[in-house]
Amino acid sequence: MTDLTAEQRLFLAADAALREVIDQLKTVDLDLAAPTEWTTDKNSTLRGVLAAHTRDEAWVPDVIAGKTMDEVGDTWKGDLLGDDPIGSYNRYNDLATAAVSRTLEDDQVAHLSYGDFPVGTYFEHTSYYRGFQAPLIAKLVGIRFAMSDDLIDLLWSAVEPQIEQLRAIHVFGPPIEVPDGSDRETLLLGMTGFWKP
Protein backbone atom coordinates (compact mmCIF):
# COMPACT_ATOMS: atom_id res chain seq x y z
CA MET A 1 0.00 0.00 0.00
CA THR A 2 1.35 3.39 -0.93
CA ASP A 3 1.68 6.26 1.52
CA LEU A 4 -1.73 7.91 1.65
CA THR A 5 -2.68 11.42 2.69
CA ALA A 6 -5.11 12.01 5.55
CA GLU A 7 -7.75 12.96 2.97
CA GLN A 8 -7.27 9.68 1.09
CA ARG A 9 -7.49 7.71 4.33
CA LEU A 10 -10.64 9.63 5.26
CA PHE A 11 -12.24 8.85 1.91
CA LEU A 12 -11.38 5.16 2.13
CA ALA A 13 -12.63 4.85 5.71
CA ALA A 14 -15.89 6.65 4.91
CA ASP A 15 -16.36 4.63 1.72
CA ALA A 16 -15.77 1.37 3.59
CA ALA A 17 -18.30 2.37 6.25
CA LEU A 18 -20.96 3.07 3.66
CA ARG A 19 -20.23 -0.19 1.88
CA GLU A 20 -20.46 -2.08 5.18
CA VAL A 21 -24.02 -0.79 5.55
CA ILE A 22 -25.03 -1.20 1.91
CA ASP A 23 -23.80 -4.80 1.86
CA GLN A 24 -26.31 -5.59 4.62
CA LEU A 25 -29.31 -4.22 2.71
CA LYS A 26 -31.92 -6.61 1.41
CA THR A 27 -33.72 -6.09 -1.89
CA VAL A 28 -36.94 -5.23 -0.06
CA ASP A 29 -35.13 -2.45 1.86
CA LEU A 30 -34.57 -0.56 -1.38
CA ASP A 31 -38.30 0.17 -1.61
CA LEU A 32 -38.27 2.12 1.68
CA ALA A 33 -39.02 5.82 1.36
CA ALA A 34 -35.93 7.97 1.82
CA PRO A 35 -36.18 10.89 4.25
CA THR A 36 -36.90 14.11 2.38
CA GLU A 37 -33.71 15.75 3.68
CA TRP A 38 -31.59 13.11 1.93
CA THR A 39 -32.60 14.00 -1.60
CA THR A 40 -34.18 16.60 -3.84
CA ASP A 41 -36.47 13.91 -5.28
CA LYS A 42 -39.75 14.16 -3.36
CA ASN A 43 -40.59 10.50 -3.95
CA SER A 44 -37.17 8.96 -3.57
CA THR A 45 -36.66 5.49 -2.15
CA LEU A 46 -33.57 3.92 -0.69
CA ARG A 47 -32.89 2.56 -4.18
CA GLY A 48 -32.70 6.16 -5.39
CA VAL A 49 -30.21 6.96 -2.62
CA LEU A 50 -28.18 3.87 -3.58
CA ALA A 51 -28.27 4.99 -7.22
CA ALA A 52 -26.90 8.40 -6.22
CA HIS A 53 -24.08 6.80 -4.24
CA THR A 54 -23.31 4.46 -7.13
CA ARG A 55 -23.10 7.36 -9.58
CA ASP A 56 -20.89 9.20 -7.07
CA GLU A 57 -18.57 6.17 -6.93
CA ALA A 58 -18.51 5.89 -10.71
CA TRP A 59 -17.24 9.45 -11.02
CA VAL A 60 -14.29 9.00 -8.65
CA PRO A 61 -11.68 7.58 -11.10
CA ASP A 62 -12.54 10.24 -13.69
CA VAL A 63 -12.31 13.09 -11.17
CA ILE A 64 -8.98 11.80 -9.87
CA ALA A 65 -7.74 11.56 -13.47
CA GLY A 66 -8.43 15.29 -13.82
CA LYS A 67 -11.31 14.94 -16.28
CA THR A 68 -13.91 17.68 -16.52
CA MET A 69 -17.66 17.17 -16.57
CA ASP A 70 -17.69 17.96 -20.28
CA GLU A 71 -15.04 15.34 -20.96
CA VAL A 72 -16.99 12.67 -19.09
CA GLY A 73 -20.29 13.76 -20.63
CA ASP A 74 -23.23 11.39 -20.19
CA THR A 75 -21.11 8.34 -19.31
CA TRP A 76 -22.62 7.98 -15.83
CA LYS A 77 -26.17 9.02 -16.58
CA GLY A 78 -29.00 6.51 -16.57
CA ASP A 79 -29.50 3.40 -14.48
CA LEU A 80 -26.21 2.05 -13.14
CA LEU A 81 -27.85 -0.42 -10.74
CA GLY A 82 -29.62 -2.77 -13.13
CA ASP A 83 -30.92 -6.08 -11.77
CA ASP A 84 -28.17 -6.38 -9.15
CA PRO A 85 -28.21 -3.07 -7.25
CA ILE A 86 -25.86 -4.05 -4.40
CA GLY A 87 -23.47 -5.87 -6.71
CA SER A 88 -23.41 -2.92 -9.10
CA TYR A 89 -22.66 -0.52 -6.26
CA ASN A 90 -19.84 -2.78 -5.09
CA ARG A 91 -18.26 -2.91 -8.55
CA TYR A 92 -18.10 0.88 -8.77
CA ASN A 93 -16.94 1.04 -5.16
CA ASP A 94 -14.05 -1.32 -5.99
CA LEU A 95 -12.97 0.94 -8.88
CA ALA A 96 -13.17 4.05 -6.69
CA THR A 97 -11.18 2.35 -3.92
CA ALA A 98 -8.44 1.35 -6.36
CA ALA A 99 -8.25 4.87 -7.79
CA VAL A 100 -8.04 6.55 -4.39
CA SER A 101 -5.47 4.06 -3.07
CA ARG A 102 -2.77 5.16 -5.53
CA THR A 103 -0.12 7.82 -4.95
CA LEU A 104 -1.43 11.14 -6.26
CA GLU A 105 0.32 14.32 -7.36
CA ASP A 106 0.46 17.05 -4.71
CA ASP A 107 -1.03 19.66 -7.06
CA GLN A 108 -3.75 17.45 -8.50
CA VAL A 109 -7.00 19.32 -9.24
CA ALA A 110 -10.55 17.99 -9.11
CA HIS A 111 -12.93 19.64 -11.59
CA LEU A 112 -16.29 19.60 -9.80
CA SER A 113 -19.71 20.96 -10.70
CA TYR A 114 -19.22 23.74 -8.16
CA GLY A 115 -15.65 24.69 -9.09
CA ASP A 116 -12.06 23.48 -9.23
CA PHE A 117 -10.53 22.27 -5.96
CA PRO A 118 -7.45 20.39 -4.76
CA VAL A 119 -8.18 16.68 -4.97
CA GLY A 120 -7.78 16.46 -1.18
CA THR A 121 -10.71 18.85 -0.76
CA TYR A 122 -12.75 16.65 -3.10
CA PHE A 123 -11.96 13.65 -0.90
CA GLU A 124 -13.12 15.56 2.18
CA HIS A 125 -16.38 16.69 0.57
CA THR A 126 -17.30 13.23 -0.68
CA SER A 127 -16.27 11.64 2.62
CA TYR A 128 -18.84 13.72 4.50
CA TYR A 129 -21.57 12.41 2.19
CA ARG A 130 -20.49 8.80 2.63
CA GLY A 131 -19.39 8.79 6.24
CA PHE A 132 -22.42 10.49 7.74
CA GLN A 133 -24.95 8.70 5.57
CA ALA A 134 -23.73 5.26 6.64
CA PRO A 135 -25.19 5.50 10.19
CA LEU A 136 -28.33 7.21 8.87
CA ILE A 137 -29.09 4.39 6.43
CA ALA A 138 -28.29 1.82 9.11
CA LYS A 139 -30.70 3.49 11.54
CA LEU A 140 -33.44 3.76 8.91
CA VAL A 141 -33.24 0.06 8.05
CA GLY A 142 -32.38 -1.28 11.52
CA ILE A 143 -28.87 -2.46 10.68
CA ARG A 144 -26.33 -2.77 13.48
CA PHE A 145 -23.51 -0.40 12.65
CA ALA A 146 -20.89 1.65 14.44
CA MET A 147 -18.30 3.95 12.92
CA SER A 148 -14.75 2.70 13.33
CA ASP A 149 -12.46 4.63 15.67
CA ASP A 150 -10.32 5.49 12.64
CA LEU A 151 -13.27 6.99 10.76
CA ILE A 152 -14.38 8.97 13.81
CA ASP A 153 -10.84 10.34 14.29
CA LEU A 154 -10.46 11.26 10.63
CA LEU A 155 -13.89 12.89 10.36
CA TRP A 156 -13.38 14.78 13.61
CA SER A 157 -10.00 16.09 12.47
CA ALA A 158 -11.40 17.21 9.12
CA VAL A 159 -14.69 18.67 10.33
CA GLU A 160 -14.10 20.24 13.73
CA PRO A 161 -11.67 23.02 12.67
CA GLN A 162 -14.05 24.23 9.93
CA ILE A 163 -17.45 23.28 11.34
CA GLU A 164 -18.87 26.82 11.29
CA GLN A 165 -17.80 27.41 7.67
CA LEU A 166 -19.34 24.08 6.67
CA ARG A 167 -22.53 24.94 8.54
CA ALA A 168 -22.67 28.31 6.77
CA ILE A 169 -22.78 26.57 3.36
CA HIS A 170 -25.33 24.02 4.61
CA VAL A 171 -23.06 20.97 4.62
CA PHE A 172 -24.09 20.44 8.24
CA GLY A 173 -27.08 21.59 10.25
CA PRO A 174 -27.15 23.18 13.69
CA PRO A 175 -25.56 21.15 16.48
CA ILE A 176 -27.84 18.83 18.44
CA GLU A 177 -27.41 18.33 22.16
CA VAL A 178 -26.64 14.72 22.97
CA PRO A 179 -26.97 12.90 26.32
CA ASP A 180 -24.24 13.30 28.92
CA GLY A 181 -21.62 10.58 28.69
CA SER A 182 -22.24 9.94 24.97
CA ASP A 183 -19.60 8.07 23.00
CA ARG A 184 -17.48 9.86 20.39
CA GLU A 185 -19.63 8.74 17.45
CA THR A 186 -22.70 10.28 19.08
CA LEU A 187 -20.75 13.44 19.91
CA LEU A 188 -19.64 13.69 16.27
CA LEU A 189 -23.18 13.16 14.99
CA GLY A 190 -24.45 15.77 17.46
CA MET A 191 -21.82 18.32 16.43
CA THR A 192 -22.76 17.92 12.77
CA GLY A 193 -26.52 17.91 13.33
CA PHE A 194 -27.09 14.28 12.36
CA TRP A 195 -27.83 12.72 15.75
CA LYS A 196 -31.33 11.44 16.39
CA PRO A 197 -32.47 9.82 19.67
C-alpha atoms as a PDB file:
ATOM      1  CA  MET A   1       0.000   0.000   0.000  1.00  0.00           C
ATOM      2  CA  THR A   2       1.354   3.390  -0.934  1.00  0.00           C
ATOM      3  CA  ASP A   3       1.677   6.258   1.516  1.00  0.00           C
ATOM      4  CA  LEU A   4      -1.728   7.908   1.654  1.00  0.00           C
ATOM      5  CA  THR A   5      -2.675  11.415   2.692  1.00  0.00           C
ATOM      6  CA  ALA A   6      -5.113  12.012   5.550  1.00  0.00           C
ATOM      7  CA  GLU A   7      -7.746  12.959   2.967  1.00  0.00           C
ATOM      8  CA  GLN A   8      -7.271   9.676   1.095  1.00  0.00           C
ATOM      9  CA  ARG A   9      -7.492   7.706   4.325  1.00  0.00           C
ATOM     10  CA  LEU A  10     -10.644   9.626   5.259  1.00  0.00           C
ATOM     11  CA  PHE A  11     -12.241   8.851   1.910  1.00  0.00           C
ATOM     12  CA  LEU A  12     -11.377   5.160   2.126  1.00  0.00           C
ATOM     13  CA  ALA A  13     -12.632   4.850   5.712  1.00  0.00           C
ATOM     14  CA  ALA A  14     -15.894   6.647   4.913  1.00  0.00           C
ATOM     15  CA  ASP A  15     -16.359   4.634   1.723  1.00  0.00           C
ATOM     16  CA  ALA A  16     -15.766   1.372   3.593  1.00  0.00           C
ATOM     17  CA  ALA A  17     -18.305   2.374   6.249  1.00  0.00           C
ATOM     18  CA  LEU A  18     -20.964   3.075   3.655  1.00  0.00           C
ATOM     19  CA  ARG A  19     -20.234  -0.193   1.875  1.00  0.00           C
ATOM     20  CA  GLU A  20     -20.463  -2.083   5.175  1.00  0.00           C
ATOM     21  CA  VAL A  21     -24.023  -0.792   5.555  1.00  0.00           C
ATOM     22  CA  ILE A  22     -25.029  -1.197   1.908  1.00  0.00           C
ATOM     23  CA  ASP A  23     -23.797  -4.798   1.856  1.00  0.00           C
ATOM     24  CA  GLN A  24     -26.312  -5.587   4.617  1.00  0.00           C
ATOM     25  CA  LEU A  25     -29.305  -4.215   2.710  1.00  0.00           C
ATOM     26  CA  LYS A  26     -31.915  -6.609   1.409  1.00  0.00           C
ATOM     27  CA  THR A  27     -33.720  -6.086  -1.886  1.00  0.00           C
ATOM     28  CA  VAL A  28     -36.939  -5.233  -0.055  1.00  0.00           C
ATOM     29  CA  ASP A  29     -35.132  -2.454   1.857  1.00  0.00           C
ATOM     30  CA  LEU A  30     -34.568  -0.563  -1.381  1.00  0.00           C
ATOM     31  CA  ASP A  31     -38.302   0.171  -1.610  1.00  0.00           C
ATOM     32  CA  LEU A  32     -38.265   2.122   1.680  1.00  0.00           C
ATOM     33  CA  ALA A  33     -39.017   5.818   1.356  1.00  0.00           C
ATOM     34  CA  ALA A  34     -35.930   7.967   1.825  1.00  0.00           C
ATOM     35  CA  PRO A  35     -36.176  10.891   4.246  1.00  0.00           C
ATOM     36  CA  THR A  36     -36.899  14.112   2.383  1.00  0.00           C
ATOM     37  CA  GLU A  37     -33.712  15.750   3.682  1.00  0.00           C
ATOM     38  CA  TRP A  38     -31.591  13.106   1.934  1.00  0.00           C
ATOM     39  CA  THR A  39     -32.597  13.997  -1.597  1.00  0.00           C
ATOM     40  CA  THR A  40     -34.180  16.602  -3.838  1.00  0.00           C
ATOM     41  CA  ASP A  41     -36.468  13.911  -5.277  1.00  0.00           C
ATOM     42  CA  LYS A  42     -39.751  14.157  -3.356  1.00  0.00           C
ATOM     43  CA  ASN A  43     -40.592  10.504  -3.947  1.00  0.00           C
ATOM     44  CA  SER A  44     -37.172   8.956  -3.572  1.00  0.00           C
ATOM     45  CA  THR A  45     -36.659   5.489  -2.154  1.00  0.00           C
ATOM     46  CA  LEU A  46     -33.567   3.916  -0.691  1.00  0.00           C
ATOM     47  CA  ARG A  47     -32.886   2.556  -4.178  1.00  0.00           C
ATOM     48  CA  GLY A  48     -32.698   6.157  -5.387  1.00  0.00           C
ATOM     49  CA  VAL A  49     -30.215   6.956  -2.622  1.00  0.00           C
ATOM     50  CA  LEU A  50     -28.177   3.873  -3.581  1.00  0.00           C
ATOM     51  CA  ALA A  51     -28.274   4.986  -7.225  1.00  0.00           C
ATOM     52  CA  ALA A  52     -26.898   8.395  -6.221  1.00  0.00           C
ATOM     53  CA  HIS A  53     -24.080   6.805  -4.238  1.00  0.00           C
ATOM     54  CA  THR A  54     -23.308   4.458  -7.130  1.00  0.00           C
ATOM     55  CA  ARG A  55     -23.096   7.365  -9.576  1.00  0.00           C
ATOM     56  CA  ASP A  56     -20.891   9.195  -7.072  1.00  0.00           C
ATOM     57  CA  GLU A  57     -18.572   6.170  -6.926  1.00  0.00           C
ATOM     58  CA  ALA A  58     -18.511   5.893 -10.714  1.00  0.00           C
ATOM     59  CA  TRP A  59     -17.235   9.453 -11.025  1.00  0.00           C
ATOM     60  CA  VAL A  60     -14.292   8.996  -8.647  1.00  0.00           C
ATOM     61  CA  PRO A  61     -11.683   7.584 -11.098  1.00  0.00           C
ATOM     62  CA  ASP A  62     -12.541  10.244 -13.689  1.00  0.00           C
ATOM     63  CA  VAL A  63     -12.310  13.085 -11.174  1.00  0.00           C
ATOM     64  CA  ILE A  64      -8.977  11.799  -9.874  1.00  0.00           C
ATOM     65  CA  ALA A  65      -7.739  11.556 -13.468  1.00  0.00           C
ATOM     66  CA  GLY A  66      -8.433  15.288 -13.822  1.00  0.00           C
ATOM     67  CA  LYS A  67     -11.306  14.940 -16.277  1.00  0.00           C
ATOM     68  CA  THR A  68     -13.911  17.682 -16.523  1.00  0.00           C
ATOM     69  CA  MET A  69     -17.659  17.167 -16.569  1.00  0.00           C
ATOM     70  CA  ASP A  70     -17.690  17.965 -20.283  1.00  0.00           C
ATOM     71  CA  GLU A  71     -15.045  15.340 -20.965  1.00  0.00           C
ATOM     72  CA  VAL A  72     -16.989  12.671 -19.087  1.00  0.00           C
ATOM     73  CA  GLY A  73     -20.291  13.761 -20.626  1.00  0.00           C
ATOM     74  CA  ASP A  74     -23.227  11.389 -20.193  1.00  0.00           C
ATOM     75  CA  THR A  75     -21.106   8.345 -19.306  1.00  0.00           C
ATOM     76  CA  TRP A  76     -22.616   7.982 -15.825  1.00  0.00           C
ATOM     77  CA  LYS A  77     -26.170   9.024 -16.577  1.00  0.00           C
ATOM     78  CA  GLY A  78     -28.998   6.515 -16.575  1.00  0.00           C
ATOM     79  CA  ASP A  79     -29.501   3.396 -14.476  1.00  0.00           C
ATOM     80  CA  LEU A  80     -26.210   2.054 -13.142  1.00  0.00           C
ATOM     81  CA  LEU A  81     -27.847  -0.417 -10.739  1.00  0.00           C
ATOM     82  CA  GLY A  82     -29.625  -2.774 -13.132  1.00  0.00           C
ATOM     83  CA  ASP A  83     -30.924  -6.078 -11.773  1.00  0.00           C
ATOM     84  CA  ASP A  84     -28.170  -6.383  -9.154  1.00  0.00           C
ATOM     85  CA  PRO A  85     -28.205  -3.069  -7.247  1.00  0.00           C
ATOM     86  CA  ILE A  86     -25.863  -4.051  -4.401  1.00  0.00           C
ATOM     87  CA  GLY A  87     -23.466  -5.873  -6.715  1.00  0.00           C
ATOM     88  CA  SER A  88     -23.415  -2.917  -9.098  1.00  0.00           C
ATOM     89  CA  TYR A  89     -22.664  -0.515  -6.258  1.00  0.00           C
ATOM     90  CA  ASN A  90     -19.840  -2.779  -5.090  1.00  0.00           C
ATOM     91  CA  ARG A  91     -18.261  -2.913  -8.555  1.00  0.00           C
ATOM     92  CA  TYR A  92     -18.098   0.881  -8.773  1.00  0.00           C
ATOM     93  CA  ASN A  93     -16.939   1.035  -5.164  1.00  0.00           C
ATOM     94  CA  ASP A  94     -14.050  -1.320  -5.995  1.00  0.00           C
ATOM     95  CA  LEU A  95     -12.974   0.941  -8.878  1.00  0.00           C
ATOM     96  CA  ALA A  96     -13.173   4.046  -6.687  1.00  0.00           C
ATOM     97  CA  THR A  97     -11.177   2.353  -3.915  1.00  0.00           C
ATOM     98  CA  ALA A  98      -8.439   1.346  -6.361  1.00  0.00           C
ATOM     99  CA  ALA A  99      -8.251   4.874  -7.790  1.00  0.00           C
ATOM    100  CA  VAL A 100      -8.041   6.552  -4.385  1.00  0.00           C
ATOM    101  CA  SER A 101      -5.470   4.056  -3.067  1.00  0.00           C
ATOM    102  CA  ARG A 102      -2.772   5.163  -5.530  1.00  0.00           C
ATOM    103  CA  THR A 103      -0.119   7.819  -4.949  1.00  0.00           C
ATOM    104  CA  LEU A 104      -1.426  11.140  -6.263  1.00  0.00           C
ATOM    105  CA  GLU A 105       0.317  14.319  -7.357  1.00  0.00           C
ATOM    106  CA  ASP A 106       0.458  17.046  -4.706  1.00  0.00           C
ATOM    107  CA  ASP A 107      -1.027  19.663  -7.055  1.00  0.00           C
ATOM    108  CA  GLN A 108      -3.751  17.448  -8.501  1.00  0.00           C
ATOM    109  CA  VAL A 109      -7.000  19.317  -9.243  1.00  0.00           C
ATOM    110  CA  ALA A 110     -10.555  17.995  -9.112  1.00  0.00           C
ATOM    111  CA  HIS A 111     -12.929  19.643 -11.589  1.00  0.00           C
ATOM    112  CA  LEU A 112     -16.293  19.597  -9.803  1.00  0.00           C
ATOM    113  CA  SER A 113     -19.710  20.958 -10.700  1.00  0.00           C
ATOM    114  CA  TYR A 114     -19.217  23.741  -8.156  1.00  0.00           C
ATOM    115  CA  GLY A 115     -15.647  24.690  -9.089  1.00  0.00           C
ATOM    116  CA  ASP A 116     -12.062  23.479  -9.227  1.00  0.00           C
ATOM    117  CA  PHE A 117     -10.526  22.272  -5.963  1.00  0.00           C
ATOM    118  CA  PRO A 118      -7.450  20.390  -4.764  1.00  0.00           C
ATOM    119  CA  VAL A 119      -8.182  16.684  -4.971  1.00  0.00           C
ATOM    120  CA  GLY A 120      -7.783  16.458  -1.178  1.00  0.00           C
ATOM    121  CA  THR A 121     -10.712  18.845  -0.757  1.00  0.00           C
ATOM    122  CA  TYR A 122     -12.754  16.648  -3.100  1.00  0.00           C
ATOM    123  CA  PHE A 123     -11.962  13.652  -0.896  1.00  0.00           C
ATOM    124  CA  GLU A 124     -13.122  15.561   2.177  1.00  0.00           C
ATOM    125  CA  HIS A 125     -16.380  16.690   0.574  1.00  0.00           C
ATOM    126  CA  THR A 126     -17.296  13.228  -0.682  1.00  0.00           C
ATOM    127  CA  SER A 127     -16.267  11.640   2.618  1.00  0.00           C
ATOM    128  CA  TYR A 128     -18.839  13.723   4.497  1.00  0.00           C
ATOM    129  CA  TYR A 129     -21.567  12.412   2.185  1.00  0.00           C
ATOM    130  CA  ARG A 130     -20.495   8.805   2.626  1.00  0.00           C
ATOM    131  CA  GLY A 131     -19.387   8.790   6.243  1.00  0.00           C
ATOM    132  CA  PHE A 132     -22.422  10.491   7.735  1.00  0.00           C
ATOM    133  CA  GLN A 133     -24.952   8.700   5.565  1.00  0.00           C
ATOM    134  CA  ALA A 134     -23.730   5.265   6.643  1.00  0.00           C
ATOM    135  CA  PRO A 135     -25.187   5.502  10.190  1.00  0.00           C
ATOM    136  CA  LEU A 136     -28.331   7.212   8.872  1.00  0.00           C
ATOM    137  CA  ILE A 137     -29.091   4.388   6.434  1.00  0.00           C
ATOM    138  CA  ALA A 138     -28.291   1.821   9.112  1.00  0.00           C
ATOM    139  CA  LYS A 139     -30.701   3.491  11.544  1.00  0.00           C
ATOM    140  CA  LEU A 140     -33.441   3.757   8.906  1.00  0.00           C
ATOM    141  CA  VAL A 141     -33.245   0.057   8.051  1.00  0.00           C
ATOM    142  CA  GLY A 142     -32.385  -1.279  11.516  1.00  0.00           C
ATOM    143  CA  ILE A 143     -28.867  -2.457  10.683  1.00  0.00           C
ATOM    144  CA  ARG A 144     -26.326  -2.768  13.478  1.00  0.00           C
ATOM    145  CA  PHE A 145     -23.511  -0.401  12.648  1.00  0.00           C
ATOM    146  CA  ALA A 146     -20.889   1.649  14.443  1.00  0.00           C
ATOM    147  CA  MET A 147     -18.296   3.955  12.923  1.00  0.00           C
ATOM    148  CA  SER A 148     -14.754   2.700  13.326  1.00  0.00           C
ATOM    149  CA  ASP A 149     -12.464   4.626  15.667  1.00  0.00           C
ATOM    150  CA  ASP A 150     -10.322   5.494  12.637  1.00  0.00           C
ATOM    151  CA  LEU A 151     -13.268   6.991  10.764  1.00  0.00           C
ATOM    152  CA  ILE A 152     -14.380   8.971  13.811  1.00  0.00           C
ATOM    153  CA  ASP A 153     -10.841  10.336  14.295  1.00  0.00           C
ATOM    154  CA  LEU A 154     -10.459  11.264  10.626  1.00  0.00           C
ATOM    155  CA  LEU A 155     -13.887  12.894  10.363  1.00  0.00           C
ATOM    156  CA  TRP A 156     -13.380  14.778  13.607  1.00  0.00           C
ATOM    157  CA  SER A 157      -9.999  16.094  12.471  1.00  0.00           C
ATOM    158  CA  ALA A 158     -11.399  17.213   9.118  1.00  0.00           C
ATOM    159  CA  VAL A 159     -14.692  18.670  10.331  1.00  0.00           C
ATOM    160  CA  GLU A 160     -14.097  20.239  13.727  1.00  0.00           C
ATOM    161  CA  PRO A 161     -11.668  23.019  12.669  1.00  0.00           C
ATOM    162  CA  GLN A 162     -14.049  24.233   9.931  1.00  0.00           C
ATOM    163  CA  ILE A 163     -17.450  23.280  11.339  1.00  0.00           C
ATOM    164  CA  GLU A 164     -18.865  26.819  11.295  1.00  0.00           C
ATOM    165  CA  GLN A 165     -17.803  27.409   7.674  1.00  0.00           C
ATOM    166  CA  LEU A 166     -19.341  24.079   6.670  1.00  0.00           C
ATOM    167  CA  ARG A 167     -22.527  24.942   8.538  1.00  0.00           C
ATOM    168  CA  ALA A 168     -22.666  28.306   6.765  1.00  0.00           C
ATOM    169  CA  ILE A 169     -22.778  26.572   3.360  1.00  0.00           C
ATOM    170  CA  HIS A 170     -25.328  24.016   4.612  1.00  0.00           C
ATOM    171  CA  VAL A 171     -23.063  20.971   4.622  1.00  0.00           C
ATOM    172  CA  PHE A 172     -24.091  20.439   8.243  1.00  0.00           C
ATOM    173  CA  GLY A 173     -27.083  21.589  10.247  1.00  0.00           C
ATOM    174  CA  PRO A 174     -27.151  23.180  13.687  1.00  0.00           C
ATOM    175  CA  PRO A 175     -25.561  21.150  16.480  1.00  0.00           C
ATOM    176  CA  ILE A 176     -27.836  18.833  18.444  1.00  0.00           C
ATOM    177  CA  GLU A 177     -27.407  18.330  22.155  1.00  0.00           C
ATOM    178  CA  VAL A 178     -26.641  14.716  22.972  1.00  0.00           C
ATOM    179  CA  PRO A 179     -26.974  12.899  26.319  1.00  0.00           C
ATOM    180  CA  ASP A 180     -24.242  13.297  28.925  1.00  0.00           C
ATOM    181  CA  GLY A 181     -21.619  10.584  28.686  1.00  0.00           C
ATOM    182  CA  SER A 182     -22.244   9.937  24.971  1.00  0.00           C
ATOM    183  CA  ASP A 183     -19.603   8.074  22.997  1.00  0.00           C
ATOM    184  CA  ARG A 184     -17.478   9.857  20.390  1.00  0.00           C
ATOM    185  CA  GLU A 185     -19.630   8.737  17.452  1.00  0.00           C
ATOM    186  CA  THR A 186     -22.705  10.278  19.083  1.00  0.00           C
ATOM    187  CA  LEU A 187     -20.754  13.444  19.910  1.00  0.00           C
ATOM    188  CA  LEU A 188     -19.637  13.692  16.269  1.00  0.00           C
ATOM    189  CA  LEU A 189     -23.183  13.160  14.989  1.00  0.00           C
ATOM    190  CA  GLY A 190     -24.450  15.771  17.456  1.00  0.00           C
ATOM    191  CA  MET A 191     -21.818  18.316  16.427  1.00  0.00           C
ATOM    192  CA  THR A 192     -22.761  17.917  12.775  1.00  0.00           C
ATOM    193  CA  GLY A 193     -26.523  17.908  13.332  1.00  0.00           C
ATOM    194  CA  PHE A 194     -27.094  14.281  12.357  1.00  0.00           C
ATOM    195  CA  TRP A 195     -27.829  12.722  15.752  1.00  0.00           C
ATOM    196  CA  LYS A 196     -31.327  11.437  16.392  1.00  0.00           C
ATOM    197  CA  PRO A 197     -32.474   9.821  19.667  1.00  0.00           C
END
